[in-house]
């Protein structure tokens, strides 16, 4: 079954992503996930420079959520 944006929204809320990234991914206290912010040396965040989805997927799957890294399933990672 294909994964939809609605699935991603549900995983984002259920797995606590909103704690650090806010309900829409544009709030904090961690970096905004959407919104087109350009990284500078003062706000450097390496993931913003990764142009390929597999690199981003791998990072999310291994490191997120911050307080419980690695708990996301393959499908949950793909959804978010």
C-alpha atoms as a PDB file:
ATOM      1  CA  UNK A   1       0.000   0.000   0.000  1.00  0.00           C
ATOM      2  CA  UNK A   2       1.418   3.409  -0.904  1.00  0.00           C
ATOM      3  CA  UNK A   3       2.204   5.750   1.948  1.00  0.00           C
ATOM      4  CA  UNK A   4       0.454   9.120   1.843  1.00  0.00           C
ATOM      5  CA  UNK A   5       1.059  12.570   3.280  1.00  0.00           C
ATOM      6  CA  UNK A   6      -1.757  11.842   5.735  1.00  0.00           C
ATOM      7  CA  UNK A   7       0.205   8.817   6.958  1.00  0.00           C
ATOM      8  CA  UNK A   8       3.227  11.058   7.452  1.00  0.00           C
ATOM      9  CA  UNK A   9       1.206  13.579   9.432  1.00  0.00           C
ATOM     10  CA  UNK A  10      -0.074  10.819  11.717  1.00  0.00           C
ATOM     11  CA  UNK A  11       3.421   9.388  12.293  1.00  0.00           C
ATOM     12  CA  UNK A  12       4.809  12.896  12.880  1.00  0.00           C
ATOM     13  CA  UNK A  13       2.269  13.440  15.670  1.00  0.00           C
ATOM     14  CA  UNK A  14       2.290   9.907  17.126  1.00  0.00           C
ATOM     15  CA  UNK A  15       6.077   9.550  17.362  1.00  0.00           C
ATOM     16  CA  UNK A  16       6.605  12.916  19.031  1.00  0.00           C
ATOM     17  CA  UNK A  17       8.217  14.768  16.131  1.00  0.00           C
ATOM     18  CA  UNK A  18       6.067  17.745  17.082  1.00  0.00           C
ATOM     19  CA  UNK A  19       7.917  18.055  20.398  1.00  0.00           C
ATOM     20  CA  UNK A  20      11.015  19.378  18.655  1.00  0.00           C
ATOM     21  CA  UNK A  21       9.708  20.528  15.268  1.00  0.00           C
ATOM     22  CA  UNK A  22       6.217  21.817  16.136  1.00  0.00           C
ATOM     23  CA  UNK A  23       2.887  20.673  14.700  1.00  0.00           C
ATOM     24  CA  UNK A  24       3.632  21.900  11.175  1.00  0.00           C
ATOM     25  CA  UNK A  25       7.400  21.392  11.026  1.00  0.00           C
ATOM     26  CA  UNK A  26       8.044  25.143  11.024  1.00  0.00           C
ATOM     27  CA  UNK A  27       8.254  25.714  14.775  1.00  0.00           C
ATOM     28  CA  UNK A  28      10.982  24.882  17.296  1.00  0.00           C
ATOM     29  CA  UNK A  29      12.810  24.447  19.540  1.00  0.00           C
ATOM     30  CA  UNK A  30      14.737  22.456  16.912  1.00  0.00           C
ATOM     31  CA  UNK A  31      15.320  23.485  13.306  1.00  0.00           C
ATOM     32  CA  UNK A  32      12.402  24.104  10.968  1.00  0.00           C
ATOM     33  CA  UNK A  33      11.867  21.205   8.578  1.00  0.00           C
ATOM     34  CA  UNK A  34      10.080  23.271   5.946  1.00  0.00           C
ATOM     35  CA  UNK A  35      10.075  26.872   4.859  1.00  0.00           C
ATOM     36  CA  UNK A  36      13.103  27.319   2.633  1.00  0.00           C
ATOM     37  CA  UNK A  37      15.569  28.546   5.248  1.00  0.00           C
ATOM     38  CA  UNK A  38      19.079  28.805   3.857  1.00  0.00           C
ATOM     39  CA  UNK A  39      21.823  27.540   6.155  1.00  0.00           C
ATOM     40  CA  UNK A  40      24.670  29.813   7.115  1.00  0.00           C
ATOM     41  CA  UNK A  41      27.610  29.306   9.419  1.00  0.00           C
ATOM     42  CA  UNK A  42      25.531  30.754  12.264  1.00  0.00           C
ATOM     43  CA  UNK A  43      22.602  28.348  11.788  1.00  0.00           C
ATOM     44  CA  UNK A  44      24.351  25.416  10.112  1.00  0.00           C
ATOM     45  CA  UNK A  45      22.353  22.209   9.895  1.00  0.00           C
ATOM     46  CA  UNK A  46      23.967  19.581   7.655  1.00  0.00           C
ATOM     47  CA  UNK A  47      20.761  17.856   6.567  1.00  0.00           C
ATOM     48  CA  UNK A  48      19.739  21.006   4.678  1.00  0.00           C
ATOM     49  CA  UNK A  49      22.665  20.384   2.330  1.00  0.00           C
ATOM     50  CA  UNK A  50      21.798  16.768   1.530  1.00  0.00           C
ATOM     51  CA  UNK A  51      20.265  16.803  -1.946  1.00  0.00           C
ATOM     52  CA  UNK A  52      19.280  13.132  -2.088  1.00  0.00           C
ATOM     53  CA  UNK A  53      16.295  11.482  -0.419  1.00  0.00           C
ATOM     54  CA  UNK A  54      18.179   8.277   0.540  1.00  0.00           C
ATOM     55  CA  UNK A  55      20.636  10.275   2.679  1.00  0.00           C
ATOM     56  CA  UNK A  56      17.830  12.086   4.450  1.00  0.00           C
ATOM     57  CA  UNK A  57      15.834   8.858   4.903  1.00  0.00           C
ATOM     58  CA  UNK A  58      18.876   7.108   6.407  1.00  0.00           C
ATOM     59  CA  UNK A  59      19.501   9.950   8.857  1.00  0.00           C
ATOM     60  CA  UNK A  60      15.878  10.031  10.013  1.00  0.00           C
ATOM     61  CA  UNK A  61      15.713   6.240  10.323  1.00  0.00           C
ATOM     62  CA  UNK A  62      18.900   5.944  12.404  1.00  0.00           C
ATOM     63  CA  UNK A  63      18.806   9.120  14.519  1.00  0.00           C
ATOM     64  CA  UNK A  64      15.189  10.159  15.052  1.00  0.00           C
ATOM     65  CA  UNK A  65      13.429  10.745  17.304  1.00  0.00           C
ATOM     66  CA  UNK A  66      16.133  12.448  19.300  1.00  0.00           C
ATOM     67  CA  UNK A  67      15.166  10.844  22.610  1.00  0.00           C
ATOM     68  CA  UNK A  68      14.601   7.336  21.170  1.00  0.00           C
ATOM     69  CA  UNK A  69      16.777   6.952  18.071  1.00  0.00           C
ATOM     70  CA  UNK A  70      16.006   4.053  15.786  1.00  0.00           C
ATOM     71  CA  UNK A  71      12.442   3.301  16.894  1.00  0.00           C
ATOM     72  CA  UNK A  72      10.823   4.349  13.617  1.00  0.00           C
ATOM     73  CA  UNK A  73       9.879   1.477  11.338  1.00  0.00           C
ATOM     74  CA  UNK A  74      10.863   1.557   7.678  1.00  0.00           C
ATOM     75  CA  UNK A  75       7.327   2.596   6.693  1.00  0.00           C
ATOM     76  CA  UNK A  76       7.146   5.277   9.417  1.00  0.00           C
ATOM     77  CA  UNK A  77      10.458   6.721   8.257  1.00  0.00           C
ATOM     78  CA  UNK A  78       9.267   6.769   4.665  1.00  0.00           C
ATOM     79  CA  UNK A  79       6.014   8.443   5.732  1.00  0.00           C
ATOM     80  CA  UNK A  80       7.719  11.338   7.480  1.00  0.00           C
END
